[in-house]
Each structure stands twice: as structure tokens, then as C-alpha cells.
């Protein structure tokens, strides 16, 4: 069955792969992102591209309004747009932390508020929130990113219970280690924010590790594997509430759930180079 789908953050990575996968599957897809010029391939494939800056409330309203006006319905909202910032909790400014929440939590929540009236009226719909294995685990020097993903998962769990009576499903996707440009600026962030602070040694170790992976054929899954799972959730009669997908996703989540806190802390801090 053909569905009307909105995918945010569709200019690269998981968002772009998902938009193209759903177009190939025969769905009506609207990709939304700041870099509209990066979505020409979505248009060429038969999809639609809309400008969206997640920090601008008027953009959020315009995207939902445009799709509803053009199609008369919204079947699937995929909240994929996000941002990441690395630095020690003591060093990252509260304004920077607020921005992480603005993009990763409040923007998706506002899009949900705008889309839900249409879904409730049609008594059907699927909301897919792209979290991360970081929605359950945490690593050093990324506290605000992990805080946003933990928050998104709690928000999604409550939302799922609230909208289920209206025939609406809420799905959380937990990607593991995926090969995208999402964290290409991590070495710079680590050095600029924490390189000259009390956390400089671990920041430099993590920056060096991150640099060694940039542009290299490192371990990690292609965004397409996440897109395939998202399509399965979109097309399922009753999707699962959570899908862990990609390299190390299941393994890291299992370790986090079975090890004690201090055992897991030791494992990840050793990996991070502390």
C-alpha cells in the first residue's frame, strides 16, 4: 500500500538512504533538510524535497502543512534529523547543550504535534523516531548527545501508549555504528571544547581515534541497512516498538544490559582511550 512519508534529515546518511529506499518501494516521499541542493537525487528518483531547519518553528509548520495540503494525509513521519557535539560535561556550554535538545528532541516533538491531528483523523499512522544505541548507553565526552537520545526514547515510549488507541504506531530505531558523515567534525569539537581543559588527555585520545576512522574503510554498517529496517517498520501491519540495527548495535546493548554499571564504564573508557 502506497504511503505518504516525511523523512527529516534527508540530505545525507540514514535520512537520504531511507528516502531513496522508500521511493523504490513505491511510497510518496518528502525529504526535508537544510541542504536542499543535496536532495537532487531524491527528486530525480521521484520524491520531493522541502527546506527544513529544525531550529526554526516556522519551517516545522510549513513542512507538515505542505504535505497535508498536497496529499490530504500523512501516513508516516520519520524524525531522523539530528546533531551531535563532543566535549566533557564540564566544558560544553549550556547554550550548546540547549541546541542539542532543540534539534534532537524538541523539533521532533513539535513535528509529532503537528502531524498527529491528521493521523488521528484518519485513524492510522506511524511515527518513527531515529534514536541510537546511545538511547540506552553512554560514552565519555558525549553526554549531551546521549542525554537527547535517552530523552527521545522516553518521550517515544510515553507517546506510544497515548496514541495507540487512535491506530497510530510509534517506533524507535537504534542504529549502531554506521558509516556516515554525521561525526566527521568530532575531532575538531573534542579539541576545541576540551583539548585545553582538565579532560584534554582523553579528548585528544578520542580525537586521534576518530581521525583514524575518517575516510577509512573502517568497521561499520552502510546506512542502507538502517533504511531497509525502517522500510520494514513502515510496511509492517504491526511494527515492533524498537529495532536495533547495524554493526555492534545488539552486542553493545546486550553488554549494557548485562554488565554492572562500573563494568560497562571500564569497558567503554578503555575503548575511548582514557
Protein backbone atom coordinates (compact mmCIF):
# COMPACT_ATOMS: atom_id res chain seq x y z
CA UNK A 1 0.00 0.00 0.00
CA UNK A 2 1.34 3.41 -1.03
CA UNK A 3 2.01 5.70 1.94
CA UNK A 4 2.74 9.40 2.28
CA UNK A 5 6.04 9.69 4.14
CA UNK A 6 8.05 12.59 5.57
CA UNK A 7 11.77 11.98 6.25
CA UNK A 8 13.74 14.71 8.02
CA UNK A 9 17.49 14.99 7.71
CA UNK A 10 17.21 13.55 4.21
CA UNK A 11 20.22 15.29 2.68
CA UNK A 12 22.73 12.63 3.78
CA UNK A 13 23.36 9.40 5.64
CA UNK A 14 20.49 7.42 7.09
CA UNK A 15 17.89 10.01 6.06
CA UNK A 16 18.86 10.02 2.39
CA UNK A 17 19.18 6.23 2.25
CA UNK A 18 15.75 5.89 3.84
CA UNK A 19 14.09 8.35 1.46
CA UNK A 20 15.51 6.56 -1.58
CA UNK A 21 14.61 3.13 -0.19
CA UNK A 22 11.01 4.16 0.38
CA UNK A 23 10.73 5.75 -3.06
CA UNK A 24 11.96 2.49 -4.61
CA UNK A 25 9.31 0.67 -2.59
CA UNK A 26 6.60 2.79 -4.20
CA UNK A 27 5.81 5.29 -1.46
CA UNK A 28 5.27 9.04 -1.80
CA UNK A 29 8.27 10.52 -0.04
CA UNK A 30 9.03 14.06 1.07
CA UNK A 31 12.63 14.57 2.13
CA UNK A 32 13.24 17.57 4.37
CA UNK A 33 16.60 19.12 5.23
CA UNK A 34 18.52 22.38 5.36
CA UNK A 35 20.72 21.45 2.40
CA UNK A 36 18.03 21.23 -0.27
CA UNK A 37 20.65 21.05 -3.02
CA UNK A 38 21.83 17.75 -1.51
CA UNK A 39 18.44 16.16 -2.24
CA UNK A 40 18.50 16.36 -6.04
CA UNK A 41 18.82 12.57 -6.21
CA UNK A 42 15.64 12.24 -4.17
CA UNK A 43 13.82 14.45 -6.68
CA UNK A 44 15.36 12.54 -9.59
CA UNK A 45 14.10 9.28 -8.08
CA UNK A 46 10.54 10.64 -7.95
CA UNK A 47 10.47 12.08 -4.44
CA UNK A 48 10.02 15.62 -3.18
CA UNK A 49 12.47 17.92 -1.38
CA UNK A 50 11.48 20.52 1.20
CA UNK A 51 13.68 23.03 3.02
CA UNK A 52 13.74 22.43 6.77
CA UNK A 53 15.86 23.95 9.52
CA UNK A 54 14.89 22.05 12.66
CA UNK A 55 15.70 25.14 14.74
CA UNK A 56 13.01 27.22 13.02
CA UNK A 57 9.43 26.58 14.24
CA UNK A 58 8.01 28.14 11.09
CA UNK A 59 9.87 25.56 8.99
CA UNK A 60 8.40 22.69 11.00
CA UNK A 61 4.88 24.07 10.49
CA UNK A 62 5.45 24.69 6.78
CA UNK A 63 6.69 21.16 6.08
CA UNK A 64 3.74 19.45 7.75
CA UNK A 65 1.30 21.94 6.23
CA UNK A 66 2.70 21.50 2.73
CA UNK A 67 2.47 17.70 2.77
CA UNK A 68 -1.02 17.72 4.30
CA UNK A 69 -2.25 20.24 1.73
CA UNK A 70 -0.74 18.45 -1.25
CA UNK A 71 -1.66 14.88 -0.23
CA UNK A 72 -4.56 15.22 2.18
CA UNK A 73 -2.94 12.81 4.62
CA UNK A 74 0.28 11.99 6.46
CA UNK A 75 0.91 8.28 6.94
CA UNK A 76 4.48 8.19 8.22
CA UNK A 77 6.69 10.73 9.98
CA UNK A 78 10.35 9.74 10.25
CA UNK A 79 12.22 12.00 12.65
CA UNK A 80 15.81 11.50 11.57
CA UNK A 81 17.36 14.99 11.62
CA UNK A 82 19.86 15.41 14.41
CA UNK A 83 23.11 16.91 15.56
CA UNK A 84 25.99 15.73 17.74
CA UNK A 85 28.58 17.59 19.80
CA UNK A 86 31.51 16.10 21.70
CA UNK A 87 33.15 17.56 24.76
CA UNK A 88 33.30 17.00 28.50
CA UNK A 89 30.18 17.74 30.53
CA UNK A 90 32.06 20.44 32.42
CA UNK A 91 33.24 22.12 29.22
CA UNK A 92 30.21 22.14 26.91
CA UNK A 93 28.27 25.37 27.37
CA UNK A 94 24.64 25.20 28.41
CA UNK A 95 23.72 27.09 25.23
CA UNK A 96 25.38 24.33 23.20
CA UNK A 97 23.52 21.73 25.25
CA UNK A 98 20.22 23.51 24.65
CA UNK A 99 20.88 23.47 20.92
CA UNK A 100 21.36 19.68 21.05
CA UNK A 101 17.97 19.34 22.70
CA UNK A 102 16.36 21.81 20.31
CA UNK A 103 17.33 19.76 17.26
CA UNK A 104 17.27 16.22 18.66
CA UNK A 105 14.23 16.36 20.95
CA UNK A 106 12.07 19.47 20.68
CA UNK A 107 11.96 19.65 16.87
CA UNK A 108 10.84 16.00 16.52
CA UNK A 109 8.29 16.54 19.30
CA UNK A 110 6.87 19.59 17.53
CA UNK A 111 6.62 17.73 14.22
CA UNK A 112 4.74 14.98 16.05
CA UNK A 113 2.32 17.54 17.49
CA UNK A 114 1.71 18.96 14.03
CA UNK A 115 1.25 15.57 12.33
CA UNK A 116 -0.90 13.85 14.96
CA UNK A 117 -4.19 15.62 14.17
CA UNK A 118 -4.05 14.26 10.62
CA UNK A 119 -3.15 10.76 11.81
CA UNK A 120 -5.86 10.74 14.45
CA UNK A 121 -8.46 11.85 11.91
CA UNK A 122 -7.51 9.06 9.51
CA UNK A 123 -7.20 6.60 12.45
CA UNK A 124 -3.81 5.40 11.27
CA UNK A 125 -0.19 6.43 11.10
CA UNK A 126 3.36 5.57 12.04
CA UNK A 127 5.84 7.80 13.84
CA UNK A 128 9.43 6.59 13.58
CA UNK A 129 11.98 8.29 15.81
CA UNK A 130 15.61 7.65 14.93
CA UNK A 131 17.42 7.22 18.21
CA UNK A 132 20.73 5.38 18.57
CA UNK A 133 22.29 2.72 20.71
CA UNK A 134 23.12 5.92 22.57
CA UNK A 135 19.49 5.98 23.62
CA UNK A 136 20.43 3.31 26.15
CA UNK A 137 24.21 3.50 26.54
CA UNK A 138 26.62 6.40 27.06
CA UNK A 139 30.29 7.02 26.29
CA UNK A 140 32.72 9.65 27.62
CA UNK A 141 32.68 13.19 26.22
CA UNK A 142 29.28 12.89 24.57
CA UNK A 143 26.92 13.43 27.47
CA UNK A 144 24.55 15.92 25.86
CA UNK A 145 24.08 13.86 22.70
CA UNK A 146 23.35 10.75 24.76
CA UNK A 147 21.05 12.77 27.01
CA UNK A 148 18.99 13.82 23.98
CA UNK A 149 18.69 10.25 22.74
CA UNK A 150 17.73 8.94 26.18
CA UNK A 151 15.09 11.69 26.30
CA UNK A 152 13.82 10.85 22.82
CA UNK A 153 13.35 7.22 23.81
CA UNK A 154 11.42 8.08 26.99
CA UNK A 155 9.30 10.54 25.01
CA UNK A 156 8.60 7.86 22.39
CA UNK A 157 7.60 5.28 25.00
CA UNK A 158 5.02 7.61 26.54
CA UNK A 159 3.81 8.76 23.13
CA UNK A 160 3.31 5.15 22.02
CA UNK A 161 0.92 4.48 24.90
CA UNK A 162 -1.00 7.70 24.30
CA UNK A 163 -1.63 7.32 20.56
CA UNK A 164 -2.13 3.55 20.28
CA UNK A 165 -5.93 3.90 20.79
CA UNK A 166 -6.05 6.02 17.62
CA UNK A 167 -4.41 3.33 15.49
CA UNK A 168 -1.03 5.09 15.47
CA UNK A 169 2.26 3.23 15.97
CA UNK A 170 5.42 4.70 17.47
CA UNK A 171 8.71 3.04 16.56
CA UNK A 172 12.24 3.65 17.85
CA UNK A 173 15.19 2.83 15.59
CA UNK A 174 18.52 2.26 17.38
CA UNK A 175 21.37 2.36 14.85
CA UNK A 176 24.74 1.03 15.93
CA UNK A 177 27.98 2.12 14.26
CA UNK A 178 27.03 3.43 10.82
CA UNK A 179 29.32 4.84 8.12
CA UNK A 180 28.05 8.40 7.59
CA UNK A 181 29.41 11.95 7.73
CA UNK A 182 27.45 12.58 10.94
CA UNK A 183 30.51 12.63 13.20
CA UNK A 184 33.13 13.95 10.77
CA UNK A 185 33.60 17.07 12.93
CA UNK A 186 34.13 15.08 16.15
CA UNK A 187 37.96 15.52 16.30
CA UNK A 188 37.60 19.30 15.90
CA UNK A 189 34.87 19.51 18.56
CA UNK A 190 36.87 17.48 21.05
CA UNK A 191 39.95 19.66 20.68
CA UNK A 192 38.11 22.99 20.61
CA UNK A 193 35.89 22.25 23.60
CA UNK A 194 38.03 20.05 25.86
CA UNK A 195 41.51 19.93 24.36
CA UNK A 196 42.95 22.51 26.74
CA UNK A 197 40.97 21.56 29.85
CA UNK A 198 41.36 19.00 32.61
CA UNK A 199 39.91 16.48 30.15
CA UNK A 200 42.46 17.21 27.43
CA UNK A 201 44.21 13.83 27.52
CA UNK A 202 41.09 11.77 26.92
CA UNK A 203 39.80 14.34 24.42
CA UNK A 204 43.00 14.06 22.38
CA UNK A 205 42.96 10.25 22.54
CA UNK A 206 39.38 10.20 21.30
CA UNK A 207 40.14 12.79 18.61
CA UNK A 208 43.06 10.71 17.29
CA UNK A 209 40.90 7.58 17.26
CA UNK A 210 38.14 9.45 15.40
CA UNK A 211 40.61 10.86 12.87
CA UNK A 212 41.94 7.39 12.13
CA UNK A 213 38.45 6.39 11.05
CA UNK A 214 37.67 9.36 8.80
CA UNK A 215 37.66 8.35 5.16
CA UNK A 216 38.99 4.91 6.01
CA UNK A 217 37.44 1.55 5.30
CA UNK A 218 36.62 1.11 8.96
CA UNK A 219 34.14 -1.25 10.51
CA UNK A 220 30.58 -0.05 10.46
CA UNK A 221 27.39 -0.64 8.54
CA UNK A 222 26.21 1.13 5.42
CA UNK A 223 23.23 3.47 6.01
CA UNK A 224 21.28 1.22 3.66
CA UNK A 225 20.97 -1.48 6.31
CA UNK A 226 19.15 1.01 8.54
CA UNK A 227 16.97 2.16 5.64
CA UNK A 228 15.92 -1.44 4.98
CA UNK A 229 14.79 -1.90 8.59
CA UNK A 230 12.92 1.41 8.50
CA UNK A 231 11.08 0.27 5.37
CA UNK A 232 10.13 -2.95 7.15
CA UNK A 233 8.70 -0.90 10.02
CA UNK A 234 6.82 1.39 7.61
CA UNK A 235 5.24 -1.55 5.80
CA UNK A 236 4.58 -3.81 8.79
CA UNK A 237 0.99 -4.36 9.83
CA UNK A 238 2.10 -4.00 13.43
CA UNK A 239 5.73 -2.91 13.69
CA UNK A 240 7.95 -3.69 16.66
CA UNK A 241 8.43 -0.89 19.14
CA UNK A 242 12.24 -0.96 18.81
CA UNK A 243 14.68 -2.05 16.14
CA UNK A 244 18.41 -2.26 16.89
CA UNK A 245 20.32 -2.33 13.61
CA UNK A 246 23.87 -2.01 12.33
CA UNK A 247 27.34 -3.00 13.42
CA UNK A 248 27.70 -3.66 17.17
CA UNK A 249 24.16 -2.49 17.96
CA UNK A 250 22.87 -5.70 19.50
CA UNK A 251 26.20 -6.50 21.14
CA UNK A 252 26.68 -3.14 22.86
CA UNK A 253 23.08 -3.02 24.03
CA UNK A 254 23.44 -6.55 25.43
CA UNK A 255 26.63 -5.61 27.28
CA UNK A 256 25.00 -2.51 28.73
CA UNK A 257 22.02 -4.53 29.93
CA UNK A 258 24.04 -7.37 31.47
CA UNK A 259 27.22 -5.79 32.88
CA UNK A 260 27.19 -3.77 36.07
CA UNK A 261 27.48 -0.01 35.64
CA UNK A 262 31.12 0.00 36.72
CA UNK A 263 31.98 -2.93 34.46
CA UNK A 264 30.46 -1.14 31.49
CA UNK A 265 32.17 2.12 32.47
CA UNK A 266 35.55 0.36 32.46
CA UNK A 267 34.85 -1.26 29.11
CA UNK A 268 33.93 1.96 27.30
CA UNK A 269 36.54 4.20 28.92
CA UNK A 270 39.27 1.73 27.92
CA UNK A 271 37.91 1.77 24.37
CA UNK A 272 37.79 5.57 24.35
CA UNK A 273 41.45 5.77 25.22
CA UNK A 274 41.23 7.11 28.77
